[in-house]
Amino acid sequence: MPKLLTIILLLLGNACLTEKLYQELEPRTLPSQAPPSGLPSSSAELCGACHTEIYEEWKSSMMGQSFTDPVFQAEWHHMREFPWCLNCHAPLQNQQPMIVEGLSSLTPPTARGQTNPDFDPALQAEGVTCVVCHQSEAGLRAPHADTQAPHAVVYDPTLATSGSCEPCHQMNILPFTKVERPLTDSHNEWEEWKTLSGKSDDCLDCHMPAVTRPVVTGGIPRDGRKHTFGGAWDDAIVQSALAVGEPIRTTDGVEVELENLAGHRFPSGEPARIVWIRLHLLDETGNRVGGVENRIDRRVETPGARERYDTTLAPMERRIIRLTVDRDLASKADSAYLEVSFDRFGNLDTVLEELQGSELVQEIILAKRVVPW
C-alpha cells in the first residue's frame, strides 16, 4: 500500500505541475471569429485586393512568413511541433489543428486536446495574418476615426501602439525554469530604454515607420505606417542598432567601444543571436595568420531553460570590448582588421544543422575597422 500511495501521489503531483505550467503559458490562442461583416473570409490575400501595397509589404515581412519561415519550421520540428509555439506564429484558433486543453507531460512538453474542426491550413500558412492585429468583435480595428469601407470597421487608437506588439514580444518567466528574465523580453527592455533615454518613441516608430499614402488602391493619401515590420532579419535595421568605434591598439591586444543604439537590448528577442567581435591578423602578403574573437549573446540551456550567461548590451549601454593577442601570434602579423558581425541564430545548433549551407545562416557584417599595427 505505501508503494501504491507513493505512485498515486507522484501522479497527482505531476498533474498539478503540468496544469500550473499550462496556466502560465502566454500568449493564449486567439479565438476564432467569423469573417468581418462584408467579407467572405479572414484571409490576408482577400485584404490585398484593396490594400494592395500594404499587403505586399506584409507578405514579404517576417509577420507574413512567421509560420512558413524555414528557421521557425526547423526549430519547431526540433520541439516536436509543440502547439504553444503557434500562439505567436499562427495565433488564430482556426490556424491551429488542435484545440489545446492542457499538457499531458512536461518532459518533453506535450499538449493534449482535440482535433480542431475549423482548422484552415491555408490561413495557417499566412502566419500573423491581417486579422490577428486588426480583428475585433465589432469589426476590423482601424487607426482612423473617419474610415469608410465595404466591411465593418471600428476606430481603435490603441492599434498603432506597443500594446499590439507586447503579447508576442514579451513573455513571462515560466515555472520550473531557471532564467534571470523572460526568454523574450523586448517590451520590458523597451520600457527600460524609455526610462533611461527620456524618450517616448514607440516600437512602431522603428519597426513600422510612418508613411503618408493611400490606404486602399486609388484612395486619398492618409497618414499610416509601413507594414514591413523590419527587425532581426532586416540588415539595415540591425546595422543601425550598433555603433562601433575605432579600435585602439593596446600592449596586449586591441580594444574597441560598442554602443547600443536600439530601443531595447542588443541582441534582443530569443536567445539565439550573437554579436561576434573578431580580430583578424594578416602577414605582409595579406594572408591570415591567426586571430582572436569575443562574443555578445545570451546562452540558455535546453531542456529546462537554465541560464548560463547573459552578456547582451543593455539599453543605451557603451561597452569596451578587449581582445587579447598572444605575443608570438602578434609578432607574426604585419597588419590587422576588426570585424563585427551579427549571427541570427548561432545558438540554435539543431537549426544550424538542418539549414547547413543555406544563405539564411550567413552573418551580417556590421562593421569593419583597420587596426593600427
Protein backbone atom coordinates (compact mmCIF):
# COMPACT_ATOMS: atom_id res chain seq x y z
CA MET A 1 0.00 0.00 0.00
CA PRO A 2 2.76 2.59 0.77
CA LYS A 3 4.30 1.98 -2.65
CA LEU A 4 0.91 2.38 -4.35
CA LEU A 5 0.26 5.54 -2.36
CA THR A 6 3.63 6.94 -3.41
CA ILE A 7 2.81 6.29 -7.08
CA ILE A 8 -0.58 7.95 -6.72
CA LEU A 9 0.97 11.00 -5.04
CA LEU A 10 3.62 11.27 -7.77
CA LEU A 11 0.96 11.09 -10.48
CA LEU A 12 -1.13 13.73 -8.72
CA GLY A 13 1.93 15.93 -8.25
CA ASN A 14 2.86 15.65 -11.92
CA ALA A 15 -0.71 16.52 -12.91
CA CYS A 16 -0.58 19.63 -10.71
CA LEU A 17 2.77 20.70 -12.20
CA THR A 18 1.62 20.25 -15.79
CA GLU A 19 -1.60 22.15 -15.07
CA LYS A 20 0.32 25.03 -13.42
CA LEU A 21 2.70 25.25 -16.37
CA TYR A 22 -0.19 25.24 -18.84
CA GLN A 23 -1.95 28.03 -16.95
CA GLU A 24 1.22 30.13 -17.06
CA LEU A 25 1.71 29.81 -20.82
CA GLU A 26 1.24 33.15 -22.58
CA PRO A 27 0.03 34.28 -25.01
CA ARG A 28 -3.11 32.22 -25.47
CA THR A 29 -4.56 31.19 -28.79
CA LEU A 30 -6.78 33.93 -30.22
CA PRO A 31 -10.38 32.72 -30.51
CA SER A 32 -11.78 32.05 -33.97
CA GLN A 33 -14.25 34.61 -35.21
CA ALA A 34 -16.45 34.77 -38.25
CA PRO A 35 -15.08 36.90 -41.10
CA PRO A 36 -15.79 40.61 -40.58
CA SER A 37 -19.19 41.71 -41.79
CA GLY A 38 -18.97 42.40 -45.51
CA LEU A 39 -16.11 39.96 -46.19
CA PRO A 40 -16.34 36.30 -47.24
CA SER A 41 -13.17 35.22 -45.38
CA SER A 42 -10.43 36.32 -43.00
CA SER A 43 -7.61 35.74 -45.49
CA ALA A 44 -4.88 38.34 -45.96
CA GLU A 45 -4.96 37.58 -49.67
CA LEU A 46 -8.51 38.92 -49.71
CA CYS A 47 -7.36 42.08 -47.93
CA GLY A 48 -4.74 42.52 -50.63
CA ALA A 49 -7.39 43.06 -53.30
CA CYS A 50 -7.92 46.60 -51.95
CA HIS A 51 -4.99 47.21 -49.59
CA THR A 52 -2.52 46.10 -52.25
CA GLU A 53 0.63 47.98 -51.22
CA ILE A 54 0.18 47.16 -47.54
CA TYR A 55 -0.50 43.52 -48.38
CA GLU A 56 2.68 43.21 -50.46
CA GLU A 57 4.76 44.69 -47.61
CA TRP A 58 3.19 42.31 -45.09
CA LYS A 59 3.59 39.31 -47.39
CA SER A 60 7.34 39.81 -47.66
CA SER A 61 7.75 40.54 -43.94
CA MET A 62 8.52 38.14 -41.12
CA MET A 63 4.93 38.60 -39.93
CA GLY A 64 3.64 37.18 -43.18
CA GLN A 65 6.25 34.40 -43.04
CA SER A 66 6.08 33.67 -39.33
CA PHE A 67 4.80 30.14 -39.91
CA THR A 68 6.46 29.22 -43.22
CA ASP A 69 9.89 30.66 -42.28
CA PRO A 70 12.45 27.81 -42.61
CA VAL A 71 14.14 28.80 -39.34
CA PHE A 72 10.90 28.57 -37.40
CA GLN A 73 9.99 25.31 -39.11
CA ALA A 74 13.37 23.79 -38.21
CA GLU A 75 13.17 24.93 -34.59
CA TRP A 76 9.50 23.89 -34.28
CA HIS A 77 10.31 20.46 -35.69
CA HIS A 78 13.06 20.13 -33.07
CA MET A 79 10.47 21.00 -30.39
CA ARG A 80 8.20 18.17 -31.61
CA GLU A 81 5.81 20.76 -33.07
CA PHE A 82 4.68 21.87 -29.64
CA PRO A 83 1.37 23.72 -30.28
CA TRP A 84 2.16 26.60 -27.90
CA CYS A 85 4.68 27.96 -30.43
CA LEU A 86 1.77 28.60 -32.79
CA ASN A 87 0.22 31.10 -30.40
CA CYS A 88 2.64 33.65 -31.85
CA HIS A 89 3.46 32.13 -35.24
CA ALA A 90 -0.13 31.26 -36.27
CA PRO A 91 -2.20 32.75 -33.42
CA LEU A 92 -5.82 32.24 -34.50
CA GLN A 93 -7.63 29.13 -33.29
CA ASN A 94 -8.67 28.25 -36.83
CA GLN A 95 -4.98 28.38 -37.82
CA GLN A 96 -4.23 25.52 -35.44
CA PRO A 97 -5.02 21.83 -35.98
CA MET A 98 -5.54 21.15 -32.26
CA ILE A 99 -7.73 22.75 -29.63
CA VAL A 100 -5.33 22.50 -26.70
CA GLU A 101 -6.88 21.74 -23.32
CA GLY A 102 -3.74 21.19 -21.28
CA LEU A 103 -0.45 19.32 -21.10
CA SER A 104 -0.07 15.57 -20.83
CA SER A 105 3.63 15.72 -19.87
CA LEU A 106 6.41 18.16 -19.06
CA THR A 107 9.41 16.27 -20.47
CA PRO A 108 9.08 16.74 -23.32
CA PRO A 109 6.27 19.30 -23.18
CA THR A 110 3.33 17.58 -24.85
CA ALA A 111 -0.10 19.06 -25.45
CA ARG A 112 -3.39 17.28 -25.02
CA GLY A 113 -6.66 18.29 -26.64
CA GLN A 114 -8.97 17.54 -29.52
CA THR A 115 -8.89 17.91 -33.28
CA ASN A 116 -9.98 21.35 -34.42
CA PRO A 117 -12.88 21.01 -36.89
CA ASP A 118 -12.38 24.62 -38.07
CA PHE A 119 -8.67 24.25 -38.87
CA ASP A 120 -7.74 26.11 -42.09
CA PRO A 121 -4.28 25.12 -43.43
CA ALA A 122 -4.24 27.98 -45.95
CA LEU A 123 -4.90 30.51 -43.20
CA GLN A 124 -2.23 28.86 -41.04
CA ALA A 125 0.33 29.44 -43.81
CA GLU A 126 -0.40 33.19 -43.58
CA GLY A 127 1.17 33.30 -40.12
CA VAL A 128 0.48 36.59 -38.36
CA THR A 129 -2.21 37.43 -40.85
CA CYS A 130 -4.02 40.80 -41.04
CA VAL A 131 -6.92 39.92 -38.74
CA VAL A 132 -4.53 38.88 -35.94
CA CYS A 133 -3.91 42.57 -35.25
CA HIS A 134 -7.00 44.15 -36.82
CA GLN A 135 -9.83 41.81 -35.83
CA SER A 136 -12.35 42.61 -33.09
CA GLU A 137 -15.92 41.54 -32.37
CA ALA A 138 -17.22 44.91 -33.57
CA GLY A 139 -15.28 44.96 -36.85
CA LEU A 140 -11.80 45.47 -38.19
CA ARG A 141 -9.73 47.77 -35.98
CA ALA A 142 -8.58 50.92 -37.79
CA PRO A 143 -6.32 53.79 -36.72
CA HIS A 144 -8.59 56.45 -38.28
CA ALA A 145 -11.94 57.58 -36.89
CA ASP A 146 -13.44 58.57 -40.25
CA THR A 147 -12.85 55.34 -42.15
CA GLN A 148 -15.39 54.30 -44.77
CA ALA A 149 -15.17 50.72 -46.03
CA PRO A 150 -17.36 47.97 -47.51
CA HIS A 151 -16.83 45.95 -44.33
CA ALA A 152 -17.33 46.59 -40.62
CA VAL A 153 -14.69 48.93 -39.14
CA VAL A 154 -14.14 50.16 -35.60
CA TYR A 155 -11.82 53.03 -34.67
CA ASP A 156 -9.18 51.90 -32.19
CA PRO A 157 -6.42 54.40 -31.25
CA THR A 158 -4.52 51.66 -29.40
CA LEU A 159 -3.91 49.77 -32.64
CA ALA A 160 -0.83 51.82 -33.56
CA THR A 161 0.87 51.40 -30.17
CA SER A 162 3.23 48.97 -28.50
CA GLY A 163 0.26 47.22 -26.91
CA SER A 164 -0.27 45.42 -30.20
CA CYS A 165 3.30 44.08 -30.08
CA GLU A 166 3.52 43.12 -26.42
CA PRO A 167 1.59 39.80 -26.43
CA CYS A 168 4.24 38.04 -28.52
CA HIS A 169 7.30 40.16 -27.81
CA GLN A 170 7.10 39.91 -24.04
CA MET A 171 6.85 36.51 -22.38
CA ASN A 172 6.56 35.70 -18.71
CA ILE A 173 9.03 33.50 -16.86
CA LEU A 174 7.59 30.02 -16.82
CA PRO A 175 7.53 27.99 -13.61
CA PHE A 176 10.22 25.33 -13.18
CA THR A 177 12.68 27.27 -15.36
CA LYS A 178 15.91 28.85 -14.13
CA VAL A 179 16.29 32.05 -16.11
CA GLU A 180 17.01 35.57 -14.90
CA ARG A 181 14.47 37.19 -17.20
CA PRO A 182 11.95 36.06 -19.84
CA LEU A 183 13.31 34.36 -22.94
CA THR A 184 11.62 37.07 -25.00
CA ASP A 185 11.87 40.32 -23.06
CA SER A 186 11.85 43.04 -25.74
CA HIS A 187 8.86 45.00 -24.42
CA ASN A 188 10.34 45.30 -20.91
CA GLU A 189 13.69 46.23 -22.46
CA TRP A 190 11.96 48.99 -24.43
CA GLU A 191 10.33 50.28 -21.23
CA GLU A 192 13.80 50.39 -19.65
CA TRP A 193 15.13 52.26 -22.69
CA LYS A 194 12.39 54.88 -22.38
CA THR A 195 13.27 55.45 -18.72
CA LEU A 196 16.99 55.77 -19.45
CA SER A 197 16.66 57.91 -22.58
CA GLY A 198 13.73 60.09 -21.52
CA LYS A 199 12.24 59.46 -24.96
CA SER A 200 8.75 58.23 -25.80
CA ASP A 201 9.35 56.62 -29.21
CA ASP A 202 7.08 53.63 -29.71
CA CYS A 203 8.01 50.20 -31.07
CA LEU A 204 6.22 51.13 -34.28
CA ASP A 205 8.41 54.18 -34.88
CA CYS A 206 11.29 51.87 -35.81
CA HIS A 207 9.54 48.70 -36.91
CA MET A 208 6.55 50.26 -38.73
CA PRO A 209 7.83 53.64 -39.97
CA ALA A 210 5.28 56.40 -40.54
CA VAL A 211 4.23 56.96 -44.15
CA THR A 212 1.63 59.04 -45.99
CA ARG A 213 -0.07 57.17 -48.82
CA PRO A 214 -3.45 55.79 -49.95
CA VAL A 215 -4.62 53.05 -47.60
CA VAL A 216 -6.53 51.44 -50.47
CA THR A 217 -5.68 51.39 -54.15
CA GLY A 218 -6.98 54.59 -55.73
CA GLY A 219 -7.77 56.20 -52.37
CA ILE A 220 -6.62 59.53 -50.99
CA PRO A 221 -3.27 59.74 -49.17
CA ARG A 222 -3.55 59.28 -45.40
CA ASP A 223 -1.11 59.10 -42.53
CA GLY A 224 -0.29 55.47 -41.84
CA ARG A 225 2.56 53.07 -41.32
CA LYS A 226 4.68 50.71 -43.35
CA HIS A 227 3.86 47.03 -42.83
CA THR A 228 7.40 45.80 -43.40
CA PHE A 229 7.98 45.00 -39.69
CA GLY A 230 11.75 45.27 -40.02
CA GLY A 231 13.67 43.52 -37.24
CA ALA A 232 16.42 40.95 -36.80
CA TRP A 233 16.02 39.79 -40.42
CA ASP A 234 16.32 43.31 -41.83
CA ASP A 235 20.00 44.04 -42.46
CA ALA A 236 19.57 47.83 -42.39
CA ILE A 237 17.67 47.74 -39.09
CA VAL A 238 20.32 45.54 -37.47
CA GLN A 239 23.19 47.65 -38.79
CA SER A 240 21.58 50.79 -37.36
CA ALA A 241 21.35 49.22 -33.89
CA LEU A 242 25.05 49.20 -33.04
CA ALA A 243 27.76 51.87 -33.18
CA VAL A 244 31.30 50.54 -33.48
CA GLY A 245 34.16 52.84 -32.51
CA GLU A 246 37.68 52.92 -33.88
CA PRO A 247 39.82 50.08 -32.46
CA ILE A 248 42.77 51.01 -30.25
CA ARG A 249 45.99 49.01 -30.08
CA THR A 250 46.98 48.11 -26.51
CA THR A 251 50.09 46.48 -25.08
CA ASP A 252 48.48 43.05 -25.19
CA GLY A 253 45.90 43.34 -27.96
CA VAL A 254 43.08 45.58 -29.13
CA GLU A 255 40.09 47.26 -27.58
CA VAL A 256 37.01 48.78 -29.23
CA GLU A 257 33.92 50.54 -27.90
CA LEU A 258 30.44 49.32 -28.84
CA GLU A 259 27.30 51.38 -28.23
CA ASN A 260 23.77 50.02 -28.25
CA LEU A 261 21.59 52.34 -30.37
CA ALA A 262 18.49 50.12 -30.35
CA GLY A 263 15.42 50.84 -28.24
CA HIS A 264 15.99 47.61 -26.29
CA ARG A 265 18.84 45.23 -25.50
CA PHE A 266 21.12 44.12 -28.32
CA PRO A 267 20.82 41.38 -29.35
CA SER A 268 17.18 41.13 -28.32
CA GLY A 269 14.43 38.57 -28.82
CA GLU A 270 15.04 34.87 -28.44
CA PRO A 271 18.49 33.93 -27.06
CA ALA A 272 19.78 32.57 -30.36
CA ARG A 273 21.51 35.67 -31.67
CA ILE A 274 25.18 36.52 -31.31
CA VAL A 275 27.28 39.62 -31.95
CA TRP A 276 30.77 38.45 -32.90
CA ILE A 277 33.82 40.71 -32.48
CA ARG A 278 36.75 39.20 -34.38
CA LEU A 279 40.29 40.42 -34.81
CA HIS A 280 41.98 39.10 -37.97
CA LEU A 281 45.79 39.15 -38.17
CA LEU A 282 47.48 39.25 -41.58
CA ASP A 283 51.04 38.76 -42.75
CA GLU A 284 52.87 41.04 -45.17
CA THR A 285 51.24 39.30 -48.16
CA GLY A 286 47.74 39.77 -46.76
CA ASN A 287 47.24 36.16 -45.75
CA ARG A 288 45.54 35.47 -42.44
CA VAL A 289 47.96 34.14 -39.81
CA GLY A 290 45.51 33.96 -36.92
CA GLY A 291 43.05 35.88 -34.86
CA VAL A 292 41.02 36.15 -31.66
CA GLU A 293 37.35 36.69 -31.03
CA ASN A 294 34.80 37.70 -28.43
CA ARG A 295 31.01 37.40 -28.39
CA ILE A 296 27.97 39.19 -27.00
CA ASP A 297 24.93 36.98 -26.51
CA ARG A 298 22.68 35.15 -24.10
CA ARG A 299 23.04 31.43 -23.57
CA VAL A 300 20.15 29.40 -22.17
CA GLU A 301 20.44 25.65 -21.87
CA THR A 302 17.60 23.46 -23.08
CA PRO A 303 15.76 21.48 -21.96
CA GLY A 304 14.94 23.10 -18.66
CA ALA A 305 15.67 26.71 -19.67
CA ARG A 306 18.70 27.16 -17.42
CA GLU A 307 20.51 30.50 -17.68
CA ARG A 308 24.22 30.08 -18.41
CA TYR A 309 25.12 33.71 -19.03
CA ASP A 310 23.75 36.94 -20.47
CA THR A 311 26.23 39.45 -21.92
CA THR A 312 23.78 41.28 -24.21
CA LEU A 313 24.18 45.05 -24.30
CA ALA A 314 21.68 46.83 -22.05
CA PRO A 315 19.65 49.72 -23.49
CA MET A 316 21.95 52.69 -24.21
CA GLU A 317 24.98 50.77 -22.91
CA ARG A 318 28.50 51.57 -24.07
CA ARG A 319 30.99 48.78 -23.55
CA ILE A 320 34.72 48.40 -24.15
CA ILE A 321 35.49 45.03 -25.73
CA ARG A 322 39.04 43.80 -25.17
CA LEU A 323 40.73 41.22 -27.38
CA THR A 324 43.98 39.80 -26.02
CA VAL A 325 46.57 38.62 -28.55
CA ASP A 326 49.36 36.19 -27.75
CA ARG A 327 52.77 37.85 -28.23
CA ASP A 328 54.07 35.18 -30.58
CA LEU A 329 50.98 35.49 -32.75
CA ALA A 330 51.18 39.29 -32.71
CA SER A 331 54.80 39.14 -33.89
CA LYS A 332 53.77 37.19 -37.00
CA ALA A 333 51.29 39.86 -38.09
CA ASP A 334 52.07 42.77 -40.37
CA SER A 335 48.55 44.24 -40.28
CA ALA A 336 45.14 43.60 -38.73
CA TYR A 337 41.49 44.43 -39.06
CA LEU A 338 38.48 44.17 -36.77
CA GLU A 339 35.18 42.72 -37.94
CA VAL A 340 31.87 42.94 -36.04
CA SER A 341 29.05 40.71 -37.28
CA PHE A 342 25.55 39.61 -36.31
CA ASP A 343 24.67 35.91 -36.24
CA ARG A 344 20.89 35.48 -36.25
CA PHE A 345 20.72 32.02 -34.72
CA GLY A 346 24.22 30.93 -33.82
CA ASN A 347 22.97 29.45 -30.54
CA LEU A 348 20.44 27.18 -32.25
CA ASP A 349 22.69 24.24 -33.04
CA THR A 350 19.86 21.99 -34.24
CA VAL A 351 18.64 24.65 -36.67
CA LEU A 352 22.16 25.22 -37.98
CA GLU A 353 22.49 21.50 -38.69
CA GLU A 354 19.20 21.39 -40.60
CA LEU A 355 19.87 24.56 -42.60
CA GLN A 356 23.58 23.97 -43.22
CA GLY A 357 24.64 25.62 -46.47
CA SER A 358 21.59 27.88 -46.63
CA GLU A 359 22.00 31.62 -47.20
CA LEU A 360 19.96 32.05 -44.02
CA VAL A 361 22.96 31.09 -41.88
CA GLN A 362 25.16 33.85 -43.25
CA GLU A 363 26.17 36.51 -40.75
CA ILE A 364 25.54 40.22 -41.29
CA ILE A 365 28.70 42.33 -41.28
CA LEU A 366 28.02 45.31 -39.02
CA ALA A 367 31.42 46.97 -39.24
CA LYS A 368 34.99 46.52 -40.47
CA ARG A 369 37.79 48.61 -39.00
CA VAL A 370 41.50 48.78 -39.80
CA VAL A 371 43.57 48.26 -36.66
CA PRO A 372 46.84 50.18 -36.17
CA TRP A 373 49.56 47.53 -36.02
